C-alpha cells in the first residue's frame, strides 16, 4: 500500500514542522507540538494532522540517520575482515549518536510511534548481532561479549564523549573512547606478533 503524495501546501507545512523540530532538538529543547506550531507559524491542528504526537515527530527527525546507519550496516556485513566490519560499524554508530541529538532517545525508546522506526531499529540490532557473531567466531573479541551488551556500551561511550568534550571535538573523542573500549573487550588481530600472538588494531576508517 502506497501513501498518496502531499499537496504542495501540505508538503511545505510538513517540511516546516520538521525543520523547526530539528532546530529544537539540536538545541536540547523539549519537543512539544504546541511549541512547534507556534514557532512554525502554523495552527496546532495542522501539526497534529501530520504528527500524532511528539514521539512520531522525533522519530521522523531521526529517520534519515537511522536509514544511513542501516545502509552502512549492509556494507559492513559485506566486509571480509570481521574486526574491520564490527569496529567500523560501531564507530559509525557512536559518531551518529554524538552528532544527531534525536538518535539516542529514539533508539532507547521501548516502543515506537512509526512502523518505519521499528523496521530500522530491528535492522540495526540484527546487523550488530551478526557482526559480533562473526567477530566472536574469528576469535577477535571476548567470547562472553553478547549482542545485548553492545547497545549499553555504545550509549556509554556516546554519553561520556558528549559530557567530556566540545561539539568540535566530540566525534574524535567518541572514536578514542571506543578504541579504548574495544581494546579492553579483546578486539584484537589474532596473527600479530605481540605476547600471546595478538595485537590491538585501531578503528577502521569510516
C-alpha atoms as a PDB file:
ATOM      1  CA  UNK A   1       0.000   0.000   0.000  1.00  0.00           C
ATOM      2  CA  UNK A   2       1.449   3.375  -1.016  1.00  0.00           C
ATOM      3  CA  UNK A   3       0.847   6.732   0.614  1.00  0.00           C
ATOM      4  CA  UNK A   4      -0.641   9.448  -1.580  1.00  0.00           C
ATOM      5  CA  UNK A   5       1.747  12.387  -2.073  1.00  0.00           C
ATOM      6  CA  UNK A   6       1.007  15.507  -0.073  1.00  0.00           C
ATOM      7  CA  UNK A   7      -0.377  18.605  -1.754  1.00  0.00           C
ATOM      8  CA  UNK A   8       2.214  21.336  -2.230  1.00  0.00           C
ATOM      9  CA  UNK A   9       0.945  23.415   0.678  1.00  0.00           C
ATOM     10  CA  UNK A  10       0.727  20.371   2.952  1.00  0.00           C
ATOM     11  CA  UNK A  11       4.227  19.305   1.914  1.00  0.00           C
ATOM     12  CA  UNK A  12       5.567  22.775   2.731  1.00  0.00           C
ATOM     13  CA  UNK A  13       3.892  22.642   6.126  1.00  0.00           C
ATOM     14  CA  UNK A  14       5.378  19.191   6.794  1.00  0.00           C
ATOM     15  CA  UNK A  15       8.845  20.399   5.874  1.00  0.00           C
ATOM     16  CA  UNK A  16       8.466  23.495   8.046  1.00  0.00           C
ATOM     17  CA  UNK A  17       7.329  21.424  11.040  1.00  0.00           C
ATOM     18  CA  UNK A  18      10.247  19.019  10.683  1.00  0.00           C
ATOM     19  CA  UNK A  19      12.752  21.866  10.261  1.00  0.00           C
ATOM     20  CA  UNK A  20      11.531  23.660  13.387  1.00  0.00           C
ATOM     21  CA  UNK A  21      11.505  20.417  15.367  1.00  0.00           C
ATOM     22  CA  UNK A  22      15.045  19.675  14.215  1.00  0.00           C
ATOM     23  CA  UNK A  23      16.182  23.069  15.499  1.00  0.00           C
ATOM     24  CA  UNK A  24      14.559  22.454  18.876  1.00  0.00           C
ATOM     25  CA  UNK A  25      16.077  19.002  19.252  1.00  0.00           C
ATOM     26  CA  UNK A  26      19.538  20.221  18.266  1.00  0.00           C
ATOM     27  CA  UNK A  27      19.224  22.982  20.853  1.00  0.00           C
ATOM     28  CA  UNK A  28      18.301  20.461  23.539  1.00  0.00           C
ATOM     29  CA  UNK A  29      14.816  21.907  23.970  1.00  0.00           C
ATOM     30  CA  UNK A  30      11.801  19.705  24.764  1.00  0.00           C
ATOM     31  CA  UNK A  31       9.754  18.753  21.737  1.00  0.00           C
ATOM     32  CA  UNK A  32       6.149  19.871  22.261  1.00  0.00           C
ATOM     33  CA  UNK A  33       3.748  20.108  19.337  1.00  0.00           C
ATOM     34  CA  UNK A  34       2.142  23.335  20.577  1.00  0.00           C
ATOM     35  CA  UNK A  35       5.557  24.969  20.718  1.00  0.00           C
ATOM     36  CA  UNK A  36       6.465  23.611  17.284  1.00  0.00           C
ATOM     37  CA  UNK A  37       3.235  25.012  15.831  1.00  0.00           C
ATOM     38  CA  UNK A  38       3.879  28.437  17.322  1.00  0.00           C
ATOM     39  CA  UNK A  39       7.470  28.582  16.079  1.00  0.00           C
ATOM     40  CA  UNK A  40       6.466  27.315  12.638  1.00  0.00           C
ATOM     41  CA  UNK A  41       3.671  29.877  12.350  1.00  0.00           C
ATOM     42  CA  UNK A  42       1.062  27.149  11.907  1.00  0.00           C
ATOM     43  CA  UNK A  43      -2.074  26.117  13.700  1.00  0.00           C
ATOM     44  CA  UNK A  44      -1.805  23.340  16.253  1.00  0.00           C
ATOM     45  CA  UNK A  45      -4.344  21.325  14.294  1.00  0.00           C
ATOM     46  CA  UNK A  46      -2.090  21.428  11.237  1.00  0.00           C
ATOM     47  CA  UNK A  47       0.795  19.974  13.192  1.00  0.00           C
ATOM     48  CA  UNK A  48      -1.386  17.244  14.682  1.00  0.00           C
ATOM     49  CA  UNK A  49      -2.686  16.315  11.237  1.00  0.00           C
ATOM     50  CA  UNK A  50       0.870  15.461  10.243  1.00  0.00           C
ATOM     51  CA  UNK A  51       2.121  14.012  13.540  1.00  0.00           C
ATOM     52  CA  UNK A  52       0.026  12.230  16.143  1.00  0.00           C
ATOM     53  CA  UNK A  53       2.422  13.184  18.932  1.00  0.00           C
ATOM     54  CA  UNK A  54       5.948  14.371  19.713  1.00  0.00           C
ATOM     55  CA  UNK A  55       7.255  10.807  19.533  1.00  0.00           C
ATOM     56  CA  UNK A  56       6.221  10.480  15.893  1.00  0.00           C
ATOM     57  CA  UNK A  57       7.825  13.832  15.098  1.00  0.00           C
ATOM     58  CA  UNK A  58      11.048  12.914  16.870  1.00  0.00           C
ATOM     59  CA  UNK A  59      11.209   9.587  15.033  1.00  0.00           C
ATOM     60  CA  UNK A  60      10.670  11.390  11.745  1.00  0.00           C
ATOM     61  CA  UNK A  61      13.658  13.591  12.530  1.00  0.00           C
ATOM     62  CA  UNK A  62      15.776  10.551  13.386  1.00  0.00           C
ATOM     63  CA  UNK A  63      14.756   8.512  10.329  1.00  0.00           C
ATOM     64  CA  UNK A  64      17.416   9.822   7.890  1.00  0.00           C
ATOM     65  CA  UNK A  65      20.183   8.989  10.352  1.00  0.00           C
ATOM     66  CA  UNK A  66      18.715   5.537  11.052  1.00  0.00           C
ATOM     67  CA  UNK A  67      18.496   4.866   7.332  1.00  0.00           C
ATOM     68  CA  UNK A  68      22.122   5.881   6.820  1.00  0.00           C
ATOM     69  CA  UNK A  69      23.224   3.580   9.646  1.00  0.00           C
ATOM     70  CA  UNK A  70      21.191   0.701   8.240  1.00  0.00           C
ATOM     71  CA  UNK A  71      22.777   1.205   4.825  1.00  0.00           C
ATOM     72  CA  UNK A  72      26.246   1.336   6.372  1.00  0.00           C
ATOM     73  CA  UNK A  73      25.437  -1.851   8.272  1.00  0.00           C
ATOM     74  CA  UNK A  74      24.669  -3.628   4.999  1.00  0.00           C
ATOM     75  CA  UNK A  75      28.084  -2.603   3.705  1.00  0.00           C
ATOM     76  CA  UNK A  76      29.731  -3.761   6.921  1.00  0.00           C
ATOM     77  CA  UNK A  77      28.190  -7.208   6.505  1.00  0.00           C
ATOM     78  CA  UNK A  78      29.941  -7.498   3.153  1.00  0.00           C
ATOM     79  CA  UNK A  79      33.350  -6.660   4.673  1.00  0.00           C
ATOM     80  CA  UNK A  80      35.538  -9.777   4.741  1.00  0.00           C
ATOM     81  CA  UNK A  81      37.570  -8.803   7.823  1.00  0.00           C
ATOM     82  CA  UNK A  82      35.365  -9.423  10.906  1.00  0.00           C
ATOM     83  CA  UNK A  83      37.294  -6.915  13.012  1.00  0.00           C
ATOM     84  CA  UNK A  84      37.099  -4.106  10.469  1.00  0.00           C
ATOM     85  CA  UNK A  85      33.417  -4.828   9.928  1.00  0.00           C
ATOM     86  CA  UNK A  86      32.474  -4.703  13.609  1.00  0.00           C
ATOM     87  CA  UNK A  87      34.754  -1.818  14.576  1.00  0.00           C
ATOM     88  CA  UNK A  88      33.705   0.267  11.588  1.00  0.00           C
ATOM     89  CA  UNK A  89      30.000  -0.274  12.264  1.00  0.00           C
ATOM     90  CA  UNK A  90      30.350   0.587  15.953  1.00  0.00           C
ATOM     91  CA  UNK A  91      32.400   3.673  15.138  1.00  0.00           C
ATOM     92  CA  UNK A  92      29.782   4.928  12.702  1.00  0.00           C
ATOM     93  CA  UNK A  93      27.042   4.227  15.254  1.00  0.00           C
ATOM     94  CA  UNK A  94      28.781   6.143  18.031  1.00  0.00           C
ATOM     95  CA  UNK A  95      29.534   9.046  15.704  1.00  0.00           C
ATOM     96  CA  UNK A  96      25.844   9.215  14.797  1.00  0.00           C
ATOM     97  CA  UNK A  97      24.877   9.230  18.472  1.00  0.00           C
ATOM     98  CA  UNK A  98      27.100  12.207  19.275  1.00  0.00           C
ATOM     99  CA  UNK A  99      26.159  14.225  16.182  1.00  0.00           C
ATOM    100  CA  UNK A 100      22.398  13.615  15.949  1.00  0.00           C
ATOM    101  CA  UNK A 101      20.584  14.654  19.117  1.00  0.00           C
ATOM    102  CA  UNK A 102      17.446  12.730  18.150  1.00  0.00           C
ATOM    103  CA  UNK A 103      19.076   9.338  17.840  1.00  0.00           C
ATOM    104  CA  UNK A 104      19.722   8.240  21.418  1.00  0.00           C
ATOM    105  CA  UNK A 105      16.182   8.926  22.591  1.00  0.00           C
ATOM    106  CA  UNK A 106      14.626   7.130  19.633  1.00  0.00           C
ATOM    107  CA  UNK A 107      16.861   4.069  19.808  1.00  0.00           C
ATOM    108  CA  UNK A 108      16.402   3.753  23.580  1.00  0.00           C
ATOM    109  CA  UNK A 109      12.590   4.001  23.470  1.00  0.00           C
ATOM    110  CA  UNK A 110      10.888   0.674  24.332  1.00  0.00           C
ATOM    111  CA  UNK A 111       8.079   1.338  21.856  1.00  0.00           C
ATOM    112  CA  UNK A 112       7.873   3.196  18.563  1.00  0.00           C
ATOM    113  CA  UNK A 113       5.271   5.523  17.115  1.00  0.00           C
ATOM    114  CA  UNK A 114       6.126   4.750  13.490  1.00  0.00           C
ATOM    115  CA  UNK A 115       6.435   1.324  11.811  1.00  0.00           C
ATOM    116  CA  UNK A 116       9.434   2.573   9.854  1.00  0.00           C
ATOM    117  CA  UNK A 117      11.276   3.256  13.096  1.00  0.00           C
ATOM    118  CA  UNK A 118      10.673  -0.286  14.299  1.00  0.00           C
ATOM    119  CA  UNK A 119      11.864  -1.683  10.979  1.00  0.00           C
ATOM    120  CA  UNK A 120      15.091   0.319  11.026  1.00  0.00           C
ATOM    121  CA  UNK A 121      15.868  -0.411  14.667  1.00  0.00           C
ATOM    122  CA  UNK A 122      15.393  -4.132  14.124  1.00  0.00           C
ATOM    123  CA  UNK A 123      17.692  -3.990  11.110  1.00  0.00           C
ATOM    124  CA  UNK A 124      20.387  -2.256  13.163  1.00  0.00           C
ATOM    125  CA  UNK A 125      20.120  -4.694  16.090  1.00  0.00           C
ATOM    126  CA  UNK A 126      20.279  -7.623  13.656  1.00  0.00           C
ATOM    127  CA  UNK A 127      23.329  -6.188  11.909  1.00  0.00           C
ATOM    128  CA  UNK A 128      25.136  -5.614  15.195  1.00  0.00           C
ATOM    129  CA  UNK A 129      24.378  -9.173  16.321  1.00  0.00           C
ATOM    130  CA  UNK A 130      25.622 -10.664  13.047  1.00  0.00           C
ATOM    131  CA  UNK A 131      28.814  -8.622  13.061  1.00  0.00           C
ATOM    132  CA  UNK A 132      29.538  -9.553  16.664  1.00  0.00           C
ATOM    133  CA  UNK A 133      28.919 -13.235  15.994  1.00  0.00           C
ATOM    134  CA  UNK A 134      31.364 -13.126  13.077  1.00  0.00           C
ATOM    135  CA  UNK A 135      33.949 -11.423  15.289  1.00  0.00           C
ATOM    136  CA  UNK A 136      33.466 -13.990  18.061  1.00  0.00           C
ATOM    137  CA  UNK A 137      33.797 -16.857  15.590  1.00  0.00           C
ATOM    138  CA  UNK A 138      37.041 -15.334  14.304  1.00  0.00           C
ATOM    139  CA  UNK A 139      38.386 -15.008  17.851  1.00  0.00           C
ATOM    140  CA  UNK A 140      38.871 -11.233  17.731  1.00  0.00           C
ATOM    141  CA  UNK A 141      36.534 -10.319  20.611  1.00  0.00           C
ATOM    142  CA  UNK A 142      35.854 -11.797  24.025  1.00  0.00           C
ATOM    143  CA  UNK A 143      33.697 -14.890  23.891  1.00  0.00           C
ATOM    144  CA  UNK A 144      31.453 -13.619  26.703  1.00  0.00           C
ATOM    145  CA  UNK A 145      30.571 -10.393  24.872  1.00  0.00           C
ATOM    146  CA  UNK A 146      26.944 -10.610  23.712  1.00  0.00           C
ATOM    147  CA  UNK A 147      24.909  -8.515  21.307  1.00  0.00           C
ATOM    148  CA  UNK A 148      22.807  -7.355  24.277  1.00  0.00           C
ATOM    149  CA  UNK A 149      25.967  -5.698  25.632  1.00  0.00           C
ATOM    150  CA  UNK A 150      26.551  -3.578  22.541  1.00  0.00           C
ATOM    151  CA  UNK A 151      23.772  -1.015  22.997  1.00  0.00           C
ATOM    152  CA  UNK A 152      24.590  -0.008  26.616  1.00  0.00           C
ATOM    153  CA  UNK A 153      28.309   0.027  25.849  1.00  0.00           C
ATOM    154  CA  UNK A 154      27.848   2.266  22.818  1.00  0.00           C
ATOM    155  CA  UNK A 155      25.474   4.522  24.751  1.00  0.00           C
ATOM    156  CA  UNK A 156      28.069   4.789  27.497  1.00  0.00           C
ATOM    157  CA  UNK A 157      30.765   5.851  25.047  1.00  0.00           C
ATOM    158  CA  UNK A 158      28.462   8.381  23.405  1.00  0.00           C
ATOM    159  CA  UNK A 159      27.388   9.842  26.758  1.00  0.00           C
ATOM    160  CA  UNK A 160      30.965  10.143  28.008  1.00  0.00           C
ATOM    161  CA  UNK A 161      32.080  11.814  24.780  1.00  0.00           C
ATOM    162  CA  UNK A 162      29.176  14.255  24.931  1.00  0.00           C
ATOM    163  CA  UNK A 163      29.871  15.227  28.535  1.00  0.00           C
ATOM    164  CA  UNK A 164      33.656  15.416  28.304  1.00  0.00           C
ATOM    165  CA  UNK A 165      34.205  17.207  25.008  1.00  0.00           C
ATOM    166  CA  UNK A 166      33.166  20.212  22.973  1.00  0.00           C
ATOM    167  CA  UNK A 167      30.999  19.940  19.850  1.00  0.00           C
ATOM    168  CA  UNK A 168      34.097  20.459  17.731  1.00  0.00           C
ATOM    169  CA  UNK A 169      35.972  17.532  19.310  1.00  0.00           C
ATOM    170  CA  UNK A 170      33.042  15.230  20.084  1.00  0.00           C
ATOM    171  CA  UNK A 171      33.481  12.766  17.214  1.00  0.00           C
ATOM    172  CA  UNK A 172      37.235  12.487  17.772  1.00  0.00           C
ATOM    173  CA  UNK A 173      36.672  11.936  21.498  1.00  0.00           C
ATOM    174  CA  UNK A 174      33.998   9.302  20.876  1.00  0.00           C
ATOM    175  CA  UNK A 175      36.267   7.397  18.497  1.00  0.00           C
ATOM    176  CA  UNK A 176      39.131   7.482  21.019  1.00  0.00           C
ATOM    177  CA  UNK A 177      36.903   6.218  23.828  1.00  0.00           C
ATOM    178  CA  UNK A 178      35.525   3.494  21.569  1.00  0.00           C
ATOM    179  CA  UNK A 179      39.026   2.360  20.611  1.00  0.00           C
ATOM    180  CA  UNK A 180      39.959   2.002  24.266  1.00  0.00           C
ATOM    181  CA  UNK A 181      36.721   0.145  24.990  1.00  0.00           C
ATOM    182  CA  UNK A 182      37.201  -2.322  22.145  1.00  0.00           C
ATOM    183  CA  UNK A 183      40.776  -2.998  23.180  1.00  0.00           C
ATOM    184  CA  UNK A 184      39.530  -3.809  26.664  1.00  0.00           C
ATOM    185  CA  UNK A 185      36.952  -6.170  25.196  1.00  0.00           C
ATOM    186  CA  UNK A 186      39.654  -8.032  23.331  1.00  0.00           C
ATOM    187  CA  UNK A 187      39.037  -6.638  19.839  1.00  0.00           C
ATOM    188  CA  UNK A 188      42.367  -7.850  18.519  1.00  0.00           C
ATOM    189  CA  UNK A 189      44.066  -9.288  15.482  1.00  0.00           C
ATOM    190  CA  UNK A 190      44.931 -12.953  16.096  1.00  0.00           C
ATOM    191  CA  UNK A 191      48.074 -13.237  13.941  1.00  0.00           C
ATOM    192  CA  UNK A 192      50.166 -10.245  15.101  1.00  0.00           C
ATOM    193  CA  UNK A 193      53.463 -10.753  16.864  1.00  0.00           C
ATOM    194  CA  UNK A 194      52.823  -9.440  20.368  1.00  0.00           C
ATOM    195  CA  UNK A 195      52.839 -11.633  23.514  1.00  0.00           C
ATOM    196  CA  UNK A 196      50.060 -14.164  23.140  1.00  0.00           C
ATOM    197  CA  UNK A 197      50.110 -13.666  19.364  1.00  0.00           C
ATOM    198  CA  UNK A 198      47.638 -10.772  19.467  1.00  0.00           C
ATOM    199  CA  UNK A 199      47.844  -7.109  18.563  1.00  0.00           C
ATOM    200  CA  UNK A 200      45.255  -4.417  19.051  1.00  0.00           C
ATOM    201  CA  UNK A 201      44.205  -2.631  15.879  1.00  0.00           C
ATOM    202  CA  UNK A 202      42.763   0.881  15.614  1.00  0.00           C
ATOM    203  CA  UNK A 203      39.243   1.549  14.450  1.00  0.00           C
ATOM    204  CA  UNK A 204      38.692   1.057  10.755  1.00  0.00           C
ATOM    205  CA  UNK A 205      38.143   4.331   8.871  1.00  0.00           C
ATOM    206  CA  UNK A 206      34.521   5.210   8.203  1.00  0.00           C
END
